[in-house]
């Protein structure tokens, strides 16, 4: 992953965190910074999933794959937060 792809993933990720929270409404015990981190991590998960599914090493997650990755992470976060509560 080149520098431009990394920067693009981070920029998309910040927006994606907020979109994932909108897609999965409900009370989440995380603040805005954690939401942004969730989106950035979701972009990386989306990139990983895209590379696994499409078999291209140069694949970089777009909007939809980033949302899917962030939603997956948000669901996992909710499961973990529910267990520890």
C-alpha atoms as a PDB file:
ATOM      1  CA  UNK A   1       0.000   0.000   0.000  1.00  0.00           C
ATOM      2  CA  UNK A   2       1.529   3.281  -1.116  1.00  0.00           C
ATOM      3  CA  UNK A   3       1.471   6.552   0.754  1.00  0.00           C
ATOM      4  CA  UNK A   4      -1.360   7.980  -1.351  1.00  0.00           C
ATOM      5  CA  UNK A   5      -3.512   4.903  -0.734  1.00  0.00           C
ATOM      6  CA  UNK A   6      -2.795   5.101   2.994  1.00  0.00           C
ATOM      7  CA  UNK A   7      -3.788   8.769   3.160  1.00  0.00           C
ATOM      8  CA  UNK A   8      -6.931   8.106   1.112  1.00  0.00           C
ATOM      9  CA  UNK A   9      -7.871   5.226   3.430  1.00  0.00           C
ATOM     10  CA  UNK A  10      -7.535   7.450   6.492  1.00  0.00           C
ATOM     11  CA  UNK A  11      -9.588  10.287   4.967  1.00  0.00           C
ATOM     12  CA  UNK A  12     -12.370   7.934   3.925  1.00  0.00           C
ATOM     13  CA  UNK A  13     -12.157   6.180   7.279  1.00  0.00           C
ATOM     14  CA  UNK A  14     -12.983   9.266   9.312  1.00  0.00           C
ATOM     15  CA  UNK A  15     -16.181   9.782   7.322  1.00  0.00           C
ATOM     16  CA  UNK A  16     -16.981   6.069   7.319  1.00  0.00           C
ATOM     17  CA  UNK A  17     -16.992   5.868  11.120  1.00  0.00           C
ATOM     18  CA  UNK A  18     -19.850   8.330  11.243  1.00  0.00           C
ATOM     19  CA  UNK A  19     -21.703   6.562   8.421  1.00  0.00           C
ATOM     20  CA  UNK A  20     -21.391   3.197  10.211  1.00  0.00           C
ATOM     21  CA  UNK A  21     -22.902   4.669  13.354  1.00  0.00           C
ATOM     22  CA  UNK A  22     -25.746   6.057  11.239  1.00  0.00           C
ATOM     23  CA  UNK A  23     -26.308   2.691   9.514  1.00  0.00           C
ATOM     24  CA  UNK A  24     -26.407   0.837  12.853  1.00  0.00           C
ATOM     25  CA  UNK A  25     -28.398   3.140  15.113  1.00  0.00           C
ATOM     26  CA  UNK A  26     -28.420   2.543  18.804  1.00  0.00           C
ATOM     27  CA  UNK A  27     -26.605   3.617  21.886  1.00  0.00           C
ATOM     28  CA  UNK A  28     -22.884   3.049  21.527  1.00  0.00           C
ATOM     29  CA  UNK A  29     -20.563   3.624  24.473  1.00  0.00           C
ATOM     30  CA  UNK A  30     -17.955   5.374  22.303  1.00  0.00           C
ATOM     31  CA  UNK A  31     -17.176   9.009  21.644  1.00  0.00           C
ATOM     32  CA  UNK A  32     -16.383  10.830  18.455  1.00  0.00           C
ATOM     33  CA  UNK A  33     -12.693   9.965  18.457  1.00  0.00           C
ATOM     34  CA  UNK A  34     -13.445   6.243  18.818  1.00  0.00           C
ATOM     35  CA  UNK A  35     -15.984   6.598  16.004  1.00  0.00           C
ATOM     36  CA  UNK A  36     -13.299   8.062  13.749  1.00  0.00           C
ATOM     37  CA  UNK A  37     -10.863   5.298  14.727  1.00  0.00           C
ATOM     38  CA  UNK A  38     -13.591   2.748  13.998  1.00  0.00           C
ATOM     39  CA  UNK A  39     -14.012   4.189  10.503  1.00  0.00           C
ATOM     40  CA  UNK A  40     -10.295   4.196   9.788  1.00  0.00           C
ATOM     41  CA  UNK A  41      -9.986   0.598  10.976  1.00  0.00           C
ATOM     42  CA  UNK A  42     -13.076  -0.237   8.912  1.00  0.00           C
ATOM     43  CA  UNK A  43     -11.349   1.092   5.821  1.00  0.00           C
ATOM     44  CA  UNK A  44      -8.402  -1.177   6.484  1.00  0.00           C
ATOM     45  CA  UNK A  45     -10.746  -4.134   7.054  1.00  0.00           C
ATOM     46  CA  UNK A  46     -12.584  -3.232   3.836  1.00  0.00           C
ATOM     47  CA  UNK A  47      -9.295  -3.119   1.955  1.00  0.00           C
ATOM     48  CA  UNK A  48      -8.313  -6.502   3.390  1.00  0.00           C
ATOM     49  CA  UNK A  49     -11.688  -8.039   2.493  1.00  0.00           C
ATOM     50  CA  UNK A  50     -11.531  -6.570  -0.994  1.00  0.00           C
ATOM     51  CA  UNK A  51      -8.072  -7.996  -1.575  1.00  0.00           C
ATOM     52  CA  UNK A  52      -9.249 -11.397  -0.342  1.00  0.00           C
ATOM     53  CA  UNK A  53     -12.419 -11.359  -2.463  1.00  0.00           C
ATOM     54  CA  UNK A  54     -11.084  -9.784  -5.653  1.00  0.00           C
ATOM     55  CA  UNK A  55      -7.515 -11.100  -5.515  1.00  0.00           C
ATOM     56  CA  UNK A  56      -5.846  -7.842  -6.458  1.00  0.00           C
ATOM     57  CA  UNK A  57      -2.922  -6.706  -4.341  1.00  0.00           C
ATOM     58  CA  UNK A  58      -3.464  -3.112  -5.468  1.00  0.00           C
ATOM     59  CA  UNK A  59      -7.107  -3.023  -4.275  1.00  0.00           C
ATOM     60  CA  UNK A  60      -7.928  -0.102  -2.001  1.00  0.00           C
ATOM     61  CA  UNK A  61     -11.295   0.039  -0.234  1.00  0.00           C
ATOM     62  CA  UNK A  62     -13.822   2.427  -1.584  1.00  0.00           C
ATOM     63  CA  UNK A  63     -16.826   3.835   0.195  1.00  0.00           C
ATOM     64  CA  UNK A  64     -18.990   0.710   0.233  1.00  0.00           C
ATOM     65  CA  UNK A  65     -16.272  -1.728   1.316  1.00  0.00           C
ATOM     66  CA  UNK A  66     -15.178   0.712   4.013  1.00  0.00           C
ATOM     67  CA  UNK A  67     -18.728   0.937   5.353  1.00  0.00           C
ATOM     68  CA  UNK A  68     -18.982  -2.860   5.368  1.00  0.00           C
ATOM     69  CA  UNK A  69     -15.676  -3.116   7.261  1.00  0.00           C
ATOM     70  CA  UNK A  70     -16.708  -0.459   9.792  1.00  0.00           C
ATOM     71  CA  UNK A  71     -20.112  -2.067  10.339  1.00  0.00           C
ATOM     72  CA  UNK A  72     -18.419  -5.415  10.998  1.00  0.00           C
ATOM     73  CA  UNK A  73     -16.087  -3.779  13.518  1.00  0.00           C
ATOM     74  CA  UNK A  74     -18.965  -1.885  15.144  1.00  0.00           C
ATOM     75  CA  UNK A  75     -20.896  -5.128  15.583  1.00  0.00           C
ATOM     76  CA  UNK A  76     -17.823  -6.772  17.117  1.00  0.00           C
ATOM     77  CA  UNK A  77     -17.313  -3.756  19.386  1.00  0.00           C
ATOM     78  CA  UNK A  78     -20.914  -3.963  20.585  1.00  0.00           C
ATOM     79  CA  UNK A  79     -20.570  -7.675  21.323  1.00  0.00           C
ATOM     80  CA  UNK A  80     -17.381  -7.108  23.329  1.00  0.00           C
ATOM     81  CA  UNK A  81     -18.795  -4.094  25.178  1.00  0.00           C
ATOM     82  CA  UNK A  82     -21.951  -6.047  26.042  1.00  0.00           C
ATOM     83  CA  UNK A  83     -19.912  -8.926  27.543  1.00  0.00           C
ATOM     84  CA  UNK A  84     -17.789  -6.673  29.707  1.00  0.00           C
ATOM     85  CA  UNK A  85     -20.770  -4.713  31.036  1.00  0.00           C
END
